[in-house]
Protein backbone atom coordinates (compact mmCIF):
# COMPACT_ATOMS: atom_id res chain seq x y z
CA UNK A 1 -50.13 -22.62 -31.54
CA UNK A 2 -47.97 -19.14 -31.46
CA UNK A 3 -48.15 -17.71 -27.79
CA UNK A 4 -48.94 -14.14 -27.57
CA UNK A 5 -48.76 -12.30 -24.20
CA UNK A 6 -52.50 -12.69 -23.54
CA UNK A 7 -52.43 -16.69 -24.37
CA UNK A 8 -53.61 -18.83 -21.45
CA UNK A 9 -53.07 -22.26 -22.99
CA UNK A 10 -49.31 -22.67 -22.76
CA UNK A 11 -48.04 -24.64 -19.07
CA UNK A 12 -45.32 -21.80 -18.23
CA UNK A 13 -43.79 -21.56 -14.89
CA UNK A 14 -45.97 -19.17 -12.53
CA UNK A 15 -44.34 -16.01 -11.21
CA UNK A 16 -43.46 -14.90 -8.62
CA UNK A 17 -42.56 -18.57 -7.22
CA UNK A 18 -42.19 -19.09 -3.53
CA UNK A 19 -39.21 -19.00 -1.22
CA UNK A 20 -38.23 -22.09 0.20
CA UNK A 21 -39.20 -22.90 3.94
CA UNK A 22 -36.21 -21.88 6.13
CA UNK A 23 -34.27 -20.20 3.62
CA UNK A 24 -35.71 -16.50 4.21
CA UNK A 25 -32.65 -14.69 2.69
CA UNK A 26 -32.50 -16.62 -0.70
CA UNK A 27 -34.34 -16.36 -3.61
CA UNK A 28 -36.85 -19.04 -4.87
CA UNK A 29 -35.18 -22.20 -5.69
CA UNK A 30 -37.43 -22.04 -9.15
CA UNK A 31 -35.18 -18.76 -9.96
CA UNK A 32 -31.99 -20.46 -9.17
CA UNK A 33 -33.31 -23.62 -11.56
CA UNK A 34 -34.23 -21.21 -14.66
CA UNK A 35 -30.93 -19.22 -14.32
CA UNK A 36 -29.31 -22.38 -14.79
CA UNK A 37 -31.19 -24.13 -17.41
CA UNK A 38 -33.38 -21.48 -19.06
CA UNK A 39 -32.16 -17.93 -18.04
CA UNK A 40 -34.41 -16.40 -20.81
CA UNK A 41 -37.85 -17.99 -20.52
CA UNK A 42 -41.76 -16.80 -20.42
CA UNK A 43 -43.61 -17.23 -17.45
CA UNK A 44 -47.09 -17.00 -16.19
CA UNK A 45 -48.34 -13.99 -13.81
CA UNK A 46 -51.30 -13.08 -11.90
CA UNK A 47 -53.28 -11.88 -14.82
CA UNK A 48 -52.72 -14.76 -17.27
CA UNK A 49 -50.08 -12.73 -19.30
CA UNK A 50 -46.96 -14.31 -20.30
CA UNK A 51 -43.99 -11.67 -19.86
CA UNK A 52 -40.15 -12.60 -20.35
CA UNK A 53 -38.37 -13.34 -17.24
CA UNK A 54 -34.50 -12.34 -17.34
CA UNK A 55 -32.57 -14.07 -14.66
CA UNK A 56 -29.04 -14.02 -16.07
CA UNK A 57 -26.86 -10.94 -14.51
CA UNK A 58 -25.35 -10.08 -18.07
CA UNK A 59 -28.86 -10.25 -19.82
CA UNK A 60 -30.34 -7.95 -17.28
CA UNK A 61 -27.85 -5.15 -17.58
CA UNK A 62 -27.84 -5.57 -21.70
CA UNK A 63 -31.65 -5.10 -21.66
CA UNK A 64 -31.94 -2.31 -18.93
CA UNK A 65 -29.51 -0.29 -21.02
CA UNK A 66 -31.14 -0.68 -24.21
CA UNK A 67 -33.33 1.80 -25.60
CA UNK A 68 -35.67 -0.34 -27.32
CA UNK A 69 -36.64 -1.63 -23.97
CA UNK A 70 -39.38 0.56 -22.44
CA UNK A 71 -40.54 1.72 -19.01
CA UNK A 72 -43.95 3.02 -19.91
CA UNK A 73 -46.42 1.36 -17.74
CA UNK A 74 -49.50 2.59 -20.19
CA UNK A 75 -48.04 0.56 -23.01
CA UNK A 76 -50.00 -2.73 -24.12
CA UNK A 77 -48.13 -5.65 -22.62
CA UNK A 78 -46.57 -3.72 -19.76
CA UNK A 79 -46.45 -6.61 -17.12
CA UNK A 80 -47.68 -5.00 -13.78
CA UNK A 81 -46.86 -6.60 -10.94
CA UNK A 82 -50.88 -6.74 -9.24
CA UNK A 83 -54.11 -5.62 -10.09
CA UNK A 84 -53.75 -2.76 -7.45
CA UNK A 85 -50.37 -2.01 -9.16
CA UNK A 86 -51.92 -1.59 -12.74
CA UNK A 87 -54.77 0.75 -11.17
CA UNK A 88 -52.24 2.62 -9.82
CA UNK A 89 -50.07 2.95 -12.91
CA UNK A 90 -52.97 3.88 -14.97
CA UNK A 91 -54.19 6.58 -12.80
CA UNK A 92 -51.20 8.48 -12.42
CA UNK A 93 -48.05 8.42 -14.30
CA UNK A 94 -44.66 8.95 -12.58
CA UNK A 95 -41.19 9.59 -13.63
CA UNK A 96 -40.18 5.69 -12.77
CA UNK A 97 -42.48 4.45 -15.68
CA UNK A 98 -41.72 6.89 -18.34
CA UNK A 99 -39.15 6.93 -21.21
CA UNK A 100 -36.83 9.75 -21.97
CA UNK A 101 -36.82 12.57 -22.57
CA UNK A 102 -39.81 12.89 -20.76
CA UNK A 103 -38.38 10.81 -17.96
CA UNK A 104 -35.29 12.87 -17.80
CA UNK A 105 -36.86 16.13 -17.82
CA UNK A 106 -39.17 15.11 -14.59
CA UNK A 107 -36.21 13.16 -12.98
CA UNK A 108 -34.12 16.38 -13.06
CA UNK A 109 -36.81 18.32 -11.10
CA UNK A 110 -35.89 16.46 -7.75
CA UNK A 111 -32.38 15.12 -8.74
CA UNK A 112 -30.27 17.64 -6.81
CA UNK A 113 -31.26 16.66 -3.08
CA UNK A 114 -30.24 13.27 -3.83
CA UNK A 115 -26.73 14.22 -5.20
CA UNK A 116 -23.71 12.56 -3.56
CA UNK A 117 -22.16 15.78 -2.28
CA UNK A 118 -25.59 16.93 -0.69
CA UNK A 119 -26.27 13.74 0.95
CA UNK A 120 -22.86 13.53 2.18
CA UNK A 121 -23.76 16.95 3.98
CA UNK A 122 -26.65 15.16 5.77
CA UNK A 123 -24.46 12.55 7.48
CA UNK A 124 -23.86 14.45 10.68
CA UNK A 125 -27.54 14.77 10.95
CA UNK A 126 -28.26 11.11 10.14
CA UNK A 127 -25.88 10.12 12.60
CA UNK A 128 -27.74 11.92 15.36
CA UNK A 129 -30.85 10.59 14.27
CA UNK A 130 -29.54 7.14 14.90
CA UNK A 131 -27.69 7.75 17.93
CA UNK A 132 -30.86 9.16 19.42
CA UNK A 133 -33.13 6.56 18.59
CA UNK A 134 -30.29 4.07 20.19
CA UNK A 135 -30.41 5.93 23.33
CA UNK A 136 -34.15 5.59 23.58
CA UNK A 137 -33.81 2.06 22.85
CA UNK A 138 -31.37 1.29 25.49
CA UNK A 139 -33.06 3.63 28.23
CA UNK A 140 -36.45 1.66 27.46
CA UNK A 141 -37.67 -2.01 28.15
CA UNK A 142 -36.53 -5.04 26.52
CA UNK A 143 -36.97 -6.99 24.64
CA UNK A 144 -38.11 -4.24 21.55
CA UNK A 145 -39.56 -4.79 18.36
CA UNK A 146 -36.25 -3.14 16.26
CA UNK A 147 -38.40 -2.49 13.17
CA UNK A 148 -40.70 -0.17 15.27
CA UNK A 149 -38.29 1.45 17.52
CA UNK A 150 -35.54 2.02 15.20
CA UNK A 151 -35.46 0.62 11.47
CA UNK A 152 -38.75 2.56 10.38
CA UNK A 153 -38.05 5.67 12.18
CA UNK A 154 -34.63 6.04 10.91
CA UNK A 155 -35.30 6.74 7.13
CA UNK A 156 -38.64 8.21 7.78
CA UNK A 157 -37.48 10.80 9.66
CA UNK A 158 -34.65 11.43 7.22
CA UNK A 159 -37.04 11.55 4.37
CA UNK A 160 -39.60 13.75 6.22
CA UNK A 161 -36.65 16.32 7.09
CA UNK A 162 -35.59 16.28 3.14
CA UNK A 163 -38.87 16.67 1.66
CA UNK A 164 -40.53 18.98 4.43
CA UNK A 165 -43.00 16.78 5.76
CA UNK A 166 -43.96 16.54 9.54
CA UNK A 167 -42.94 13.64 11.22
CA UNK A 168 -45.69 13.73 13.52
CA UNK A 169 -47.63 12.39 10.20
CA UNK A 170 -45.74 9.21 10.00
CA UNK A 171 -48.37 6.93 10.78
CA UNK A 172 -50.43 8.62 7.96
CA UNK A 173 -47.90 7.99 5.08
CA UNK A 174 -46.37 4.75 6.49
CA UNK A 175 -50.18 3.00 6.90
CA UNK A 176 -51.02 4.17 3.28
CA UNK A 177 -47.85 3.11 1.78
CA UNK A 178 -48.05 -0.40 3.35
CA UNK A 179 -51.38 -0.64 1.75
CA UNK A 180 -49.97 0.62 -1.65
CA UNK A 181 -46.98 -1.96 -1.74
CA UNK A 182 -48.81 -5.00 -0.70
CA UNK A 183 -49.56 -7.34 -3.65
CA UNK A 184 -52.96 -8.49 -2.59
CA UNK A 185 -54.40 -4.94 -2.09
CA UNK A 186 -57.27 -4.48 -4.31
CA UNK A 187 -57.14 -1.35 -6.93
CA UNK A 188 -59.75 0.23 -4.80
CA UNK A 189 -57.54 0.24 -1.78
CA UNK A 190 -54.36 1.37 -3.42
CA UNK A 191 -56.15 4.35 -5.21
CA UNK A 192 -58.04 5.12 -1.68
CA UNK A 193 -54.29 5.09 -0.29
CA UNK A 194 -52.95 7.30 -2.94
CA UNK A 195 -55.91 9.79 -2.61
CA UNK A 196 -55.31 10.19 1.22
CA UNK A 197 -51.48 11.02 0.53
CA UNK A 198 -51.73 13.10 -2.13
CA UNK A 199 -54.54 14.91 -0.57
CA UNK A 200 -52.48 15.56 2.50
CA UNK A 201 -49.33 16.60 0.55
CA UNK A 202 -51.34 18.64 -1.90
CA UNK A 203 -52.40 20.92 0.94
CA UNK A 204 -48.89 20.81 2.46
CA UNK A 205 -47.53 22.01 -1.20
CA UNK A 206 -50.14 24.73 -1.08
CA UNK A 207 -49.15 26.26 2.54
CA UNK A 208 -45.15 26.20 1.33
CA UNK A 209 -46.17 28.16 -1.71
CA UNK A 210 -47.09 30.97 0.86
CA UNK A 211 -44.46 30.04 3.26
CA UNK A 212 -41.80 27.92 1.86
CA UNK A 213 -38.91 26.36 3.94
CA UNK A 214 -35.45 24.84 2.94
CA UNK A 215 -36.87 21.44 2.07
CA UNK A 216 -37.81 19.79 -1.57
CA UNK A 217 -41.48 20.30 -1.10
CA UNK A 218 -41.18 24.11 -0.95
CA UNK A 219 -38.67 24.07 -4.08
CA UNK A 220 -41.12 22.03 -5.86
CA UNK A 221 -43.79 24.56 -5.01
CA UNK A 222 -42.02 27.90 -5.63
CA UNK A 223 -40.08 26.82 -8.86
CA UNK A 224 -42.00 24.22 -10.38
CA UNK A 225 -45.85 24.82 -9.77
CA UNK A 226 -45.29 28.45 -9.69
CA UNK A 227 -43.78 28.42 -13.24
CA UNK A 228 -46.25 25.75 -14.59
CA UNK A 229 -43.80 23.42 -15.04
CA UNK A 230 -46.11 21.01 -12.55
CA UNK A 231 -49.41 21.17 -11.53
CA UNK A 232 -50.06 21.07 -7.92
CA UNK A 233 -51.33 17.81 -8.04
CA UNK A 234 -48.54 16.50 -9.95
CA UNK A 235 -45.96 17.76 -7.43
CA UNK A 236 -48.23 16.27 -4.52
CA UNK A 237 -48.11 12.66 -6.35
CA UNK A 238 -44.09 13.14 -6.97
CA UNK A 239 -44.21 13.82 -2.83
CA UNK A 240 -46.05 10.39 -2.48
CA UNK A 241 -43.49 8.46 -4.64
CA UNK A 242 -40.51 10.18 -2.83
CA UNK A 243 -42.14 9.65 0.55
CA UNK A 244 -43.03 5.94 0.26
CA UNK A 245 -39.52 5.24 -1.69
CA UNK A 246 -37.62 7.04 0.91
CA UNK A 247 -38.57 5.12 4.09
CA UNK A 248 -39.96 1.32 3.07
CA UNK A 249 -37.27 0.25 1.21
CA UNK A 250 -34.38 1.49 3.79
CA UNK A 251 -36.42 0.52 6.66
CA UNK A 252 -36.69 -3.22 5.44
CA UNK A 253 -32.72 -3.35 4.71
CA UNK A 254 -32.27 -2.29 8.21
CA UNK A 255 -34.29 -5.00 9.83
CA UNK A 256 -33.49 -7.77 7.26
CA UNK A 257 -29.61 -6.75 7.31
CA UNK A 258 -29.57 -7.03 10.95
CA UNK A 259 -31.36 -10.20 10.75
CA UNK A 260 -28.85 -11.65 8.44
CA UNK A 261 -25.70 -10.54 10.50
CA UNK A 262 -27.27 -12.18 13.37
CA UNK A 263 -27.76 -15.36 11.67
CA UNK A 264 -23.90 -14.79 10.62
CA UNK A 265 -22.00 -13.93 13.57
CA UNK A 266 -18.52 -14.15 11.70
CA UNK A 267 -19.73 -11.66 9.28
CA UNK A 268 -21.37 -9.18 12.28
CA UNK A 269 -17.81 -9.65 14.04
CA UNK A 270 -15.92 -8.25 10.79
CA UNK A 271 -18.31 -5.36 10.78
CA UNK A 272 -18.79 -4.82 14.51
CA UNK A 273 -14.84 -4.60 15.25
CA UNK A 274 -13.84 -2.41 12.13
CA UNK A 275 -12.64 1.22 12.62
CA UNK A 276 -12.65 1.90 8.74
CA UNK A 277 -15.97 3.22 7.34
CA UNK A 278 -15.03 1.68 4.19
CA UNK A 279 -15.59 -1.57 5.61
CA UNK A 280 -19.14 -0.35 6.46
CA UNK A 281 -19.55 0.87 2.84
CA UNK A 282 -18.65 -2.60 1.38
CA UNK A 283 -21.17 -4.22 3.91
CA UNK A 284 -23.66 -2.30 2.40
CA UNK A 285 -23.14 -3.30 -1.04
CA UNK A 286 -23.07 -6.85 -0.08
CA UNK A 287 -26.08 -6.82 1.84
CA UNK A 288 -27.88 -4.97 -0.89
CA UNK A 289 -26.56 -7.99 -3.54
CA UNK A 290 -27.69 -10.87 -1.08
CA UNK A 291 -30.71 -9.58 0.29
CA UNK A 292 -32.37 -7.86 -2.80
CA UNK A 293 -35.40 -6.37 -0.87
CA UNK A 294 -36.94 -5.22 -3.93
CA UNK A 295 -37.69 -8.87 -4.89
CA UNK A 296 -40.91 -8.34 -7.36
CA UNK A 297 -38.29 -7.34 -10.42
CA UNK A 298 -38.00 -4.36 -12.53
CA UNK A 299 -40.53 -4.17 -15.04
CA UNK A 300 -40.60 -3.46 -18.59
CA UNK A 301 -42.12 -3.81 -22.20
CA UNK A 302 -40.45 -4.23 -25.61
CA UNK A 303 -40.79 -1.25 -27.96
CA UNK A 304 -38.92 -3.19 -30.92
CA UNK A 305 -38.03 -6.86 -31.46
CA UNK A 306 -34.69 -7.83 -29.69
CA UNK A 307 -32.77 -10.69 -30.18
CA UNK A 308 -30.79 -11.85 -27.24
CA UNK A 309 -29.54 -15.21 -25.78
CA UNK A 310 -30.71 -17.04 -28.46
CA UNK A 311 -34.17 -15.67 -28.14
CA UNK A 312 -36.47 -13.20 -29.71
CA UNK A 313 -38.36 -10.89 -27.45
CA UNK A 314 -41.06 -9.40 -29.73
CA UNK A 315 -42.55 -5.89 -29.63
CA UNK A 316 -45.00 -5.44 -27.12
CA UNK A 317 -43.95 -8.24 -25.00
CA UNK A 318 -43.39 -7.89 -21.31
CA UNK A 319 -40.07 -8.35 -19.37
CA UNK A 320 -39.14 -9.02 -15.87
CA UNK A 321 -36.13 -8.29 -14.52
CA UNK A 322 -35.49 -10.77 -11.72
CA UNK A 323 -32.53 -8.96 -9.89
CA UNK A 324 -32.58 -10.94 -6.75
CA UNK A 325 -31.35 -13.74 -8.69
CA UNK A 326 -29.30 -11.86 -11.00
CA UNK A 327 -27.44 -10.83 -7.89
CA UNK A 328 -26.28 -14.31 -7.06
CA UNK A 329 -25.44 -15.20 -10.76
CA UNK A 330 -22.11 -17.21 -9.97
CA UNK A 331 -20.66 -15.53 -13.32
CA UNK A 332 -20.81 -12.16 -12.14
CA UNK A 333 -19.90 -12.28 -8.37
CA UNK A 334 -16.57 -14.48 -7.41
CA UNK A 335 -17.08 -16.89 -4.84
CA UNK A 336 -20.24 -18.29 -3.65
CA UNK A 337 -22.69 -15.85 -4.26
CA UNK A 338 -25.42 -17.63 -2.00
CA UNK A 339 -23.17 -16.99 0.73
CA UNK A 340 -22.98 -13.56 2.89
CA UNK A 341 -19.33 -11.98 2.54
CA UNK A 342 -18.63 -8.84 3.55
CA UNK A 343 -15.34 -8.94 2.22
CA UNK A 344 -16.68 -9.50 -1.32
CA UNK A 345 -16.56 -6.70 -3.67
CA UNK A 346 -20.06 -6.41 -4.38
CA UNK A 347 -20.50 -3.14 -5.90
CA UNK A 348 -21.57 -3.95 -9.44
CA UNK A 349 -24.79 -5.33 -7.96
CA UNK A 350 -28.28 -4.29 -9.60
CA UNK A 351 -30.22 -3.91 -6.35
CA UNK A 352 -31.05 -0.54 -7.05
CA UNK A 353 -31.70 -1.31 -10.90
CA UNK A 354 -29.39 -0.43 -13.77
CA UNK A 355 -29.25 2.35 -16.69
CA UNK A 356 -31.27 5.58 -16.86
CA UNK A 357 -33.86 4.51 -14.48
CA UNK A 358 -31.60 3.02 -11.34
CA UNK A 359 -32.86 4.51 -8.05
CA UNK A 360 -32.65 8.22 -7.72
CA UNK A 361 -32.35 7.77 -3.80
CA UNK A 362 -29.38 5.43 -3.90
CA UNK A 363 -26.99 7.95 -2.53
CA UNK A 364 -29.28 8.57 0.53
CA UNK A 365 -29.98 4.65 1.04
CA UNK A 366 -25.98 4.15 0.99
CA UNK A 367 -25.30 6.79 3.73
CA UNK A 368 -28.21 5.71 6.09
CA UNK A 369 -27.18 2.28 5.94
CA UNK A 370 -23.34 2.92 6.32
CA UNK A 371 -24.36 4.86 9.24
CA UNK A 372 -26.63 2.19 10.65
CA UNK A 373 -24.48 -0.54 10.29
CA UNK A 374 -21.37 1.11 11.47
CA UNK A 375 -23.36 2.30 14.68
CA UNK A 376 -25.90 -0.20 15.79
CA UNK A 377 -23.91 -3.18 16.51
CA UNK A 378 -21.01 -1.17 18.26
CA UNK A 379 -23.39 0.62 20.41
CA UNK A 380 -25.12 -2.61 21.41
CA UNK A 381 -22.59 -5.39 21.00
CA UNK A 382 -24.83 -8.01 22.83
CA UNK A 383 -27.61 -7.34 20.23
CA UNK A 384 -29.34 -10.61 19.90
CA UNK A 385 -32.87 -12.14 18.71
CA UNK A 386 -35.38 -12.37 21.47
CA UNK A 387 -37.19 -14.96 19.46
CA UNK A 388 -36.62 -17.94 17.02
CA UNK A 389 -35.97 -17.27 13.37
CA UNK A 390 -38.98 -19.64 12.75
CA UNK A 391 -41.11 -17.41 14.67
CA UNK A 392 -40.53 -14.29 12.56
CA UNK A 393 -43.29 -13.18 9.58
CA UNK A 394 -41.66 -12.28 6.65
CA UNK A 395 -43.28 -9.93 4.04
CA UNK A 396 -43.82 -12.62 1.24
CA UNK A 397 -46.86 -10.88 0.20
CA UNK A 398 -45.34 -7.36 -0.77
CA UNK A 399 -43.34 -5.72 -3.11
CA UNK A 400 -40.60 -4.81 -0.89
CA UNK A 401 -38.93 -8.07 1.22
CA UNK A 402 -38.41 -8.05 5.17
CA UNK A 403 -39.58 -8.77 8.52
CA UNK A 404 -43.05 -6.98 9.79
CA UNK A 405 -41.30 -7.21 13.11
CA UNK A 406 -38.16 -8.05 14.43
CA UNK A 407 -37.75 -8.72 18.30
CA UNK A 408 -34.41 -8.07 19.98
CA UNK A 409 -32.70 -7.92 23.10
CA UNK A 410 -29.20 -7.38 24.63
């Protein structure tokens, strides 16, 4: 019997598979086995469909750069990560799930604020945010939850300033973003959370049409909505996307990266004692490679038949790119890629994706993380976990991996 993407009669590996107990930083063992034995294979996902899973680094880069691979989430066979995400993708398209030229046209509308030079100009303001938050921690009681006191506020304050969203509303967007990125959120819950955020941002955009400021939402309101390039609702959903992506991923990298460094004191010492910002920049790339907090994989669907690695991916079949194991591929990264090594050249990692759809906000994330990793452990050199690592709750249930809380002391 020839299997199609809806066939449920064939025994296939289930995806996603669980991480090993006691190994919170490592990809699931099943991914290691597949990368070694069957790097291109069909897997079974939540809805019974059987997309292809890509686990090798070279296959991932080749396919993500292939125009025959589509990001269009409304295509038949697209492997949605959950029922909630499927409902979201069907209810509202974003440039993340569009193909060129439409993808490029819409993405260009918001590219400028995330350009490297523009982001570098924000470095002093980002540094002040970090220093102020550390001052508050040092002046307050301990232990403290690093997620709540530091990891979440840093990127939230930055993205709010960039977009022009009042930080006083951070509870609103953080609470609803958590619903959107949880794997077990129902379609109704996801759509309700999206509506709350879109309604709020639509009202904010309407106000900025009357009184524009120096921020991205004002630019969308006065240059894109006013000219008819976007509707007010489209601009609001663009804001939802940028607001969520701008704080959720970086917040988890700050907290999980800190935990990884505390568990690897020799690597933390290299970072704490270095005076050169290049050391922090290299550490960011290695931590991005090692941790892979976007651990649900990039999702695509084949537009045409594609032959690769001795297999044929047929038109209409879904593809999942397991970046978390691709970044541990021993053929791509020298030394032992399962070890954290801040001296490693990890710049070719695929934590931000690859090709035309790679992460728009990566320059901003890099500057934020460089500033955090070069400051926090110097300012608080005795920073330590205030509980056992086995007591921490990890985000196995989300599309973005991390810890829910990180109690620390000094």
